[in-house]
Amino acid sequence: MKLILVEWIDACSGYGGWTPREELSHFSVTPNISMGILYEETDKEIKIVPNLNACNLSCPTAIPKVCIKRMRQLKL
């Protein structure tokens, strides 16, 4: 089991509906920091969870590898 810290970039979108063109400058990708247990890793993505037990896991997050800026394993 690996506890990891991931620095990654997420997309940004509006609230739905029409947006005035002048407000487009307010939209930008968002830097994020997530920490959790590395549950699964593929060539395209990682999946982390904050909690798990023998039967369940909570709040899984899938992060595309192309969005990851830095990932490091934390010492337990």
PDB file of N, CA and C in Angstrom:
ATOM      1  N   MET A   1       0.848  -1.170   0.000  1.00  0.00           N
ATOM      2  CA  MET A   1       0.000   0.000   0.000  1.00  0.00           C
ATOM      3  C   MET A   1       0.896   1.236   0.000  1.00  0.00           C
ATOM      4  N   LYS A   2       0.629   2.171  -0.918  1.00  0.00           N
ATOM      5  CA  LYS A   2       1.423   3.386  -1.035  1.00  0.00           C
ATOM      6  C   LYS A   2       0.567   4.613  -0.736  1.00  0.00           C
ATOM      7  N   LEU A   3       1.059   5.464   0.145  1.00  0.00           N
ATOM      8  CA  LEU A   3       0.441   6.755   0.400  1.00  0.00           C
ATOM      9  C   LEU A   3       1.180   7.762  -0.469  1.00  0.00           C
ATOM     10  N   ILE A   4       0.440   8.507  -1.322  1.00  0.00           N
ATOM     11  CA  ILE A   4       1.092   9.415  -2.262  1.00  0.00           C
ATOM     12  C   ILE A   4       0.527  10.829  -2.172  1.00  0.00           C
ATOM     13  N   LEU A   5       1.346  11.772  -2.624  1.00  0.00           N
ATOM     14  CA  LEU A   5       0.960  13.170  -2.773  1.00  0.00           C
ATOM     15  C   LEU A   5       1.070  13.476  -4.260  1.00  0.00           C
ATOM     16  N   VAL A   6       0.002  14.013  -4.846  1.00  0.00           N
ATOM     17  CA  VAL A   6      -0.045  14.258  -6.283  1.00  0.00           C
ATOM     18  C   VAL A   6      -0.321  15.739  -6.531  1.00  0.00           C
ATOM     19  N   GLU A   7       0.540  16.372  -7.319  1.00  0.00           N
ATOM     20  CA  GLU A   7       0.296  17.732  -7.780  1.00  0.00           C
ATOM     21  C   GLU A   7      -0.149  17.611  -9.229  1.00  0.00           C
ATOM     22  N   TRP A   8      -1.347  18.155  -9.537  1.00  0.00           N
ATOM     23  CA  TRP A   8      -1.909  17.966 -10.864  1.00  0.00           C
ATOM     24  C   TRP A   8      -2.739  19.166 -11.285  1.00  0.00           C
ATOM     25  N   ILE A   9      -2.990  19.257 -12.571  1.00  0.00           N
ATOM     26  CA  ILE A   9      -3.744  20.360 -13.155  1.00  0.00           C
ATOM     27  C   ILE A   9      -5.118  19.846 -13.575  1.00  0.00           C
ATOM     28  N   ASP A  10      -6.166  20.598 -13.200  1.00  0.00           N
ATOM     29  CA  ASP A  10      -7.535  20.219 -13.538  1.00  0.00           C
ATOM     30  C   ASP A  10      -8.128  21.243 -14.493  1.00  0.00           C
ATOM     31  N   ALA A  11      -9.107  20.818 -15.250  1.00  0.00           N
ATOM     32  CA  ALA A  11      -9.815  21.707 -16.162  1.00  0.00           C
ATOM     33  C   ALA A  11     -10.747  22.639 -15.384  1.00  0.00           C
ATOM     34  N   CYS A  12     -11.181  23.681 -16.042  1.00  0.00           N
ATOM     35  CA  CYS A  12     -12.137  24.628 -15.453  1.00  0.00           C
ATOM     36  C   CYS A  12     -13.262  24.830 -16.456  1.00  0.00           C
ATOM     37  N   SER A  13     -14.489  24.873 -15.964  1.00  0.00           N
ATOM     38  CA  SER A  13     -15.622  25.123 -16.859  1.00  0.00           C
ATOM     39  C   SER A  13     -16.579  26.107 -16.204  1.00  0.00           C
ATOM     40  N   GLY A  14     -17.497  26.622 -17.001  1.00  0.00           N
ATOM     41  CA  GLY A  14     -18.471  27.590 -16.500  1.00  0.00           C
ATOM     42  C   GLY A  14     -19.593  26.905 -15.754  1.00  0.00           C
ATOM     43  N   TYR A  15     -20.564  27.689 -15.412  1.00  0.00           N
ATOM     44  CA  TYR A  15     -21.691  27.193 -14.626  1.00  0.00           C
ATOM     45  C   TYR A  15     -22.848  26.744 -15.495  1.00  0.00           C
ATOM     46  N   GLY A  16     -22.637  26.649 -16.776  1.00  0.00           N
ATOM     47  CA  GLY A  16     -23.713  26.279 -17.694  1.00  0.00           C
ATOM     48  C   GLY A  16     -24.340  27.532 -18.284  1.00  0.00           C
ATOM     49  N   GLY A  17     -24.927  27.373 -19.426  1.00  0.00           N
ATOM     50  CA  GLY A  17     -25.560  28.522 -20.067  1.00  0.00           C
ATOM     51  C   GLY A  17     -24.541  29.408 -20.772  1.00  0.00           C
ATOM     52  N   TRP A  18     -24.977  30.593 -21.105  1.00  0.00           N
ATOM     53  CA  TRP A  18     -24.165  31.536 -21.860  1.00  0.00           C
ATOM     54  C   TRP A  18     -23.223  32.303 -20.940  1.00  0.00           C
ATOM     55  N   THR A  19     -22.022  32.571 -21.448  1.00  0.00           N
ATOM     56  CA  THR A  19     -21.032  33.356 -20.715  1.00  0.00           C
ATOM     57  C   THR A  19     -20.575  34.501 -21.614  1.00  0.00           C
ATOM     58  N   PRO A  20     -20.618  35.730 -21.102  1.00  0.00           N
ATOM     59  CA  PRO A  20     -20.126  36.847 -21.916  1.00  0.00           C
ATOM     60  C   PRO A  20     -18.648  36.652 -22.261  1.00  0.00           C
ATOM     61  N   ARG A  21     -18.266  37.009 -23.468  1.00  0.00           N
ATOM     62  CA  ARG A  21     -16.887  36.821 -23.923  1.00  0.00           C
ATOM     63  C   ARG A  21     -15.883  37.520 -23.023  1.00  0.00           C
ATOM     64  N   GLU A  22     -16.264  38.643 -22.438  1.00  0.00           N
ATOM     65  CA  GLU A  22     -15.358  39.394 -21.573  1.00  0.00           C
ATOM     66  C   GLU A  22     -14.973  38.592 -20.325  1.00  0.00           C
ATOM     67  N   GLU A  23     -15.806  37.641 -19.927  1.00  0.00           N
ATOM     68  CA  GLU A  23     -15.545  36.859 -18.716  1.00  0.00           C
ATOM     69  C   GLU A  23     -14.648  35.647 -18.961  1.00  0.00           C
ATOM     70  N   LEU A  24     -14.299  35.382 -20.210  1.00  0.00           N
ATOM     71  CA  LEU A  24     -13.482  34.223 -20.528  1.00  0.00           C
ATOM     72  C   LEU A  24     -12.117  34.278 -19.832  1.00  0.00           C
ATOM     73  N   SER A  25     -11.611  35.481 -19.596  1.00  0.00           N
ATOM     74  CA  SER A  25     -10.306  35.602 -18.937  1.00  0.00           C
ATOM     75  C   SER A  25     -10.337  35.100 -17.498  1.00  0.00           C
ATOM     76  N   HIS A  26     -11.525  34.943 -16.908  1.00  0.00           N
ATOM     77  CA  HIS A  26     -11.657  34.437 -15.540  1.00  0.00           C
ATOM     78  C   HIS A  26     -11.515  32.910 -15.469  1.00  0.00           C
ATOM     79  N   PHE A  27     -11.567  32.243 -16.616  1.00  0.00           N
ATOM     80  CA  PHE A  27     -11.467  30.787 -16.653  1.00  0.00           C
ATOM     81  C   PHE A  27     -10.026  30.373 -16.901  1.00  0.00           C
ATOM     82  N   SER A  28      -9.532  29.458 -16.105  1.00  0.00           N
ATOM     83  CA  SER A  28      -8.172  28.979 -16.244  1.00  0.00           C
ATOM     84  C   SER A  28      -8.066  27.589 -15.619  1.00  0.00           C
ATOM     85  N   VAL A  29      -7.090  26.823 -16.069  1.00  0.00           N
ATOM     86  CA  VAL A  29      -6.878  25.524 -15.436  1.00  0.00           C
ATOM     87  C   VAL A  29      -6.509  25.744 -13.975  1.00  0.00           C
ATOM     88  N   THR A  30      -6.760  24.739 -13.153  1.00  0.00           N
ATOM     89  CA  THR A  30      -6.606  24.878 -11.713  1.00  0.00           C
ATOM     90  C   THR A  30      -5.567  23.910 -11.179  1.00  0.00           C
ATOM     91  N   PRO A  31      -4.541  24.428 -10.472  1.00  0.00           N
ATOM     92  CA  PRO A  31      -3.598  23.517  -9.836  1.00  0.00           C
ATOM     93  C   PRO A  31      -4.223  22.873  -8.599  1.00  0.00           C
ATOM     94  N   ASN A  32      -3.941  21.599  -8.395  1.00  0.00           N
ATOM     95  CA  ASN A  32      -4.499  20.845  -7.271  1.00  0.00           C
ATOM     96  C   ASN A  32      -3.406  20.043  -6.581  1.00  0.00           C
ATOM     97  N   ILE A  33      -3.629  19.765  -5.315  1.00  0.00           N
ATOM     98  CA  ILE A  33      -2.788  18.843  -4.571  1.00  0.00           C
ATOM     99  C   ILE A  33      -3.728  17.839  -3.919  1.00  0.00           C
ATOM    100  N   SER A  34      -3.480  16.562  -4.189  1.00  0.00           N
ATOM    101  CA  SER A  34      -4.292  15.498  -3.604  1.00  0.00           C
ATOM    102  C   SER A  34      -3.376  14.504  -2.905  1.00  0.00           C
ATOM    103  N   MET A  35      -3.878  13.940  -1.821  1.00  0.00           N
ATOM    104  CA  MET A  35      -3.127  12.933  -1.088  1.00  0.00           C
ATOM    105  C   MET A  35      -4.054  11.753  -0.861  1.00  0.00           C
ATOM    106  N   GLY A  36      -3.524  10.549  -0.995  1.00  0.00           N
ATOM    107  CA  GLY A  36      -4.345   9.385  -0.749  1.00  0.00           C
ATOM    108  C   GLY A  36      -3.568   8.098  -0.958  1.00  0.00           C
ATOM    109  N   ILE A  37      -4.291   7.017  -0.864  1.00  0.00           N
ATOM    110  CA  ILE A  37      -3.726   5.686  -1.075  1.00  0.00           C
ATOM    111  C   ILE A  37      -3.805   5.388  -2.567  1.00  0.00           C
ATOM    112  N   LEU A  38      -2.677   5.023  -3.155  1.00  0.00           N
ATOM    113  CA  LEU A  38      -2.663   4.651  -4.563  1.00  0.00           C
ATOM    114  C   LEU A  38      -3.384   3.319  -4.699  1.00  0.00           C
ATOM    115  N   TYR A  39      -4.574   3.358  -5.282  1.00  0.00           N
ATOM    116  CA  TYR A  39      -5.401   2.150  -5.396  1.00  0.00           C
ATOM    117  C   TYR A  39      -5.113   1.395  -6.685  1.00  0.00           C
ATOM    118  N   GLU A  40      -4.903   2.140  -7.774  1.00  0.00           N
ATOM    119  CA  GLU A  40      -4.688   1.508  -9.076  1.00  0.00           C
ATOM    120  C   GLU A  40      -3.898   2.455  -9.969  1.00  0.00           C
ATOM    121  N   GLU A  41      -3.051   1.891 -10.816  1.00  0.00           N
ATOM    122  CA  GLU A  41      -2.285   2.691 -11.770  1.00  0.00           C
ATOM    123  C   GLU A  41      -2.247   1.972 -13.106  1.00  0.00           C
ATOM    124  N   THR A  42      -2.545   2.720 -14.176  1.00  0.00           N
ATOM    125  CA  THR A  42      -2.441   2.205 -15.539  1.00  0.00           C
ATOM    126  C   THR A  42      -1.520   3.128 -16.328  1.00  0.00           C
ATOM    127  N   ASP A  43      -1.358   2.857 -17.608  1.00  0.00           N
ATOM    128  CA  ASP A  43      -0.552   3.734 -18.458  1.00  0.00           C
ATOM    129  C   ASP A  43      -1.170   5.117 -18.597  1.00  0.00           C
ATOM    130  N   LYS A  44      -2.491   5.217 -18.425  1.00  0.00           N
ATOM    131  CA  LYS A  44      -3.196   6.475 -18.668  1.00  0.00           C
ATOM    132  C   LYS A  44      -3.614   7.236 -17.424  1.00  0.00           C
ATOM    133  N   GLU A  45      -3.773   6.549 -16.277  1.00  0.00           N
ATOM    134  CA  GLU A  45      -4.306   7.235 -15.104  1.00  0.00           C
ATOM    135  C   GLU A  45      -3.877   6.560 -13.813  1.00  0.00           C
ATOM    136  N   ILE A  46      -4.068   7.314 -12.732  1.00  0.00           N
ATOM    137  CA  ILE A  46      -3.947   6.729 -11.393  1.00  0.00           C
ATOM    138  C   ILE A  46      -5.292   6.905 -10.708  1.00  0.00           C
ATOM    139  N   LYS A  47      -5.553   6.038  -9.738  1.00  0.00           N
ATOM    140  CA  LYS A  47      -6.755   6.165  -8.912  1.00  0.00           C
ATOM    141  C   LYS A  47      -6.299   6.160  -7.465  1.00  0.00           C
ATOM    142  N   ILE A  48      -6.737   7.197  -6.725  1.00  0.00           N
ATOM    143  CA  ILE A  48      -6.396   7.280  -5.311  1.00  0.00           C
ATOM    144  C   ILE A  48      -7.676   7.324  -4.483  1.00  0.00           C
ATOM    145  N   VAL A  49      -7.562   6.870  -3.244  1.00  0.00           N
ATOM    146  CA  VAL A  49      -8.698   6.887  -2.312  1.00  0.00           C
ATOM    147  C   VAL A  49      -8.190   7.339  -0.941  1.00  0.00           C
ATOM    148  N   PRO A  50      -9.026   8.063  -0.193  1.00  0.00           N
ATOM    149  CA  PRO A  50      -8.613   8.474   1.144  1.00  0.00           C
ATOM    150  C   PRO A  50      -8.808   7.381   2.194  1.00  0.00           C
ATOM    151  N   ASN A  51      -9.776   6.496   1.969  1.00  0.00           N
ATOM    152  CA  ASN A  51     -10.106   5.448   2.936  1.00  0.00           C
ATOM    153  C   ASN A  51     -10.499   4.175   2.201  1.00  0.00           C
ATOM    154  N   LEU A  52     -10.152   3.041   2.792  1.00  0.00           N
ATOM    155  CA  LEU A  52     -10.624   1.772   2.244  1.00  0.00           C
ATOM    156  C   LEU A  52     -10.655   0.723   3.351  1.00  0.00           C
ATOM    157  N   ASN A  53     -11.485  -0.291   3.124  1.00  0.00           N
ATOM    158  CA  ASN A  53     -11.506  -1.440   4.024  1.00  0.00           C
ATOM    159  C   ASN A  53     -11.574  -2.697   3.155  1.00  0.00           C
ATOM    160  N   ALA A  54     -11.846  -3.833   3.737  1.00  0.00           N
ATOM    161  CA  ALA A  54     -11.842  -5.091   2.990  1.00  0.00           C
ATOM    162  C   ALA A  54     -12.897  -5.126   1.890  1.00  0.00           C
ATOM    163  N   CYS A  55     -14.003  -4.386   2.057  1.00  0.00           N
ATOM    164  CA  CYS A  55     -15.111  -4.465   1.100  1.00  0.00           C
ATOM    165  C   CYS A  55     -15.350  -3.196   0.292  1.00  0.00           C
ATOM    166  N   ASN A  56     -14.947  -2.047   0.809  1.00  0.00           N
ATOM    167  CA  ASN A  56     -15.320  -0.782   0.187  1.00  0.00           C
ATOM    168  C   ASN A  56     -14.160   0.201   0.154  1.00  0.00           C
ATOM    169  N   LEU A  57     -14.332   1.232  -0.675  1.00  0.00           N
ATOM    170  CA  LEU A  57     -13.419   2.356  -0.671  1.00  0.00           C
ATOM    171  C   LEU A  57     -14.253   3.629  -0.779  1.00  0.00           C
ATOM    172  N   SER A  58     -13.690   4.735  -0.288  1.00  0.00           N
ATOM    173  CA  SER A  58     -14.469   5.972  -0.283  1.00  0.00           C
ATOM    174  C   SER A  58     -13.860   7.018  -1.197  1.00  0.00           C
ATOM    175  N   CYS A  59     -14.717   7.781  -1.800  1.00  0.00           N
ATOM    176  CA  CYS A  59     -14.360   8.967  -2.604  1.00  0.00           C
ATOM    177  C   CYS A  59     -13.189   8.735  -3.559  1.00  0.00           C
ATOM    178  N   PRO A  60     -13.277   7.760  -4.459  1.00  0.00           N
ATOM    179  CA  PRO A  60     -12.165   7.540  -5.379  1.00  0.00           C
ATOM    180  C   PRO A  60     -11.977   8.728  -6.319  1.00  0.00           C
ATOM    181  N   THR A  61     -10.725   9.011  -6.653  1.00  0.00           N
ATOM    182  CA  THR A  61     -10.392  10.070  -7.601  1.00  0.00           C
ATOM    183  C   THR A  61      -9.507   9.471  -8.684  1.00  0.00           C
ATOM    184  N   ALA A  62      -9.909   9.624  -9.945  1.00  0.00           N
ATOM    185  CA  ALA A  62      -9.102   9.190 -11.086  1.00  0.00           C
ATOM    186  C   ALA A  62      -8.438  10.433 -11.672  1.00  0.00           C
ATOM    187  N   ILE A  63      -7.127  10.379 -11.820  1.00  0.00           N
ATOM    188  CA  ILE A  63      -6.371  11.521 -12.344  1.00  0.00           C
ATOM    189  C   ILE A  63      -5.623  11.061 -13.595  1.00  0.00           C
ATOM    190  N   PRO A  64      -5.890  11.709 -14.749  1.00  0.00           N
ATOM    191  CA  PRO A  64      -5.143  11.353 -15.958  1.00  0.00           C
ATOM    192  C   PRO A  64      -3.656  11.666 -15.779  1.00  0.00           C
ATOM    193  N   LYS A  65      -2.813  10.781 -16.222  1.00  0.00           N
ATOM    194  CA  LYS A  65      -1.371  10.994 -16.058  1.00  0.00           C
ATOM    195  C   LYS A  65      -0.877  12.238 -16.787  1.00  0.00           C
ATOM    196  N   VAL A  66      -1.526  12.615 -17.884  1.00  0.00           N
ATOM    197  CA  VAL A  66      -1.098  13.825 -18.600  1.00  0.00           C
ATOM    198  C   VAL A  66      -1.328  15.085 -17.769  1.00  0.00           C
ATOM    199  N   CYS A  67      -2.161  15.007 -16.735  1.00  0.00           N
ATOM    200  CA  CYS A  67      -2.433  16.150 -15.869  1.00  0.00           C
ATOM    201  C   CYS A  67      -1.503  16.211 -14.658  1.00  0.00           C
ATOM    202  N   ILE A  68      -0.745  15.156 -14.413  1.00  0.00           N
ATOM    203  CA  ILE A  68       0.107  15.091 -13.227  1.00  0.00           C
ATOM    204  C   ILE A  68       1.413  15.844 -13.464  1.00  0.00           C
ATOM    205  N   LYS A  69       1.692  16.794 -12.584  1.00  0.00           N
ATOM    206  CA  LYS A  69       2.941  17.553 -12.629  1.00  0.00           C
ATOM    207  C   LYS A  69       4.022  16.886 -11.787  1.00  0.00           C
ATOM    208  N   ARG A  70       3.610  16.360 -10.639  1.00  0.00           N
ATOM    209  CA  ARG A  70       4.564  15.706  -9.734  1.00  0.00           C
ATOM    210  C   ARG A  70       3.812  14.726  -8.860  1.00  0.00           C
ATOM    211  N   MET A  71       4.443  13.595  -8.587  1.00  0.00           N
ATOM    212  CA  MET A  71       3.846  12.588  -7.717  1.00  0.00           C
ATOM    213  C   MET A  71       4.964  12.002  -6.868  1.00  0.00           C
ATOM    214  N   ARG A  72       4.724  11.916  -5.567  1.00  0.00           N
ATOM    215  CA  ARG A  72       5.748  11.315  -4.712  1.00  0.00           C
ATOM    216  C   ARG A  72       5.109  10.470  -3.638  1.00  0.00           C
ATOM    217  N   GLN A  73       5.825   9.420  -3.276  1.00  0.00           N
ATOM    218  CA  GLN A  73       5.347   8.524  -2.223  1.00  0.00           C
ATOM    219  C   GLN A  73       5.737   9.115  -0.870  1.00  0.00           C
ATOM    220  N   LEU A  74       4.798   9.057   0.072  1.00  0.00           N
ATOM    221  CA  LEU A  74       5.034   9.546   1.429  1.00  0.00           C
ATOM    222  C   LEU A  74       5.404   8.375   2.330  1.00  0.00           C
ATOM    223  N   LYS A  75       6.192   8.647   3.323  1.00  0.00           N
ATOM    224  CA  LYS A  75       6.581   7.604   4.270  1.00  0.00           C
ATOM    225  C   LYS A  75       5.474   7.409   5.284  1.00  0.00           C
ATOM    226  N   LEU A  76       5.191   6.159   5.599  1.00  0.00           N
ATOM    227  CA  LEU A  76       4.159   5.855   6.588  1.00  0.00           C
ATOM    228  C   LEU A  76       4.739   5.867   7.989  1.00  0.00           C
TER     229      LEU A  76
END
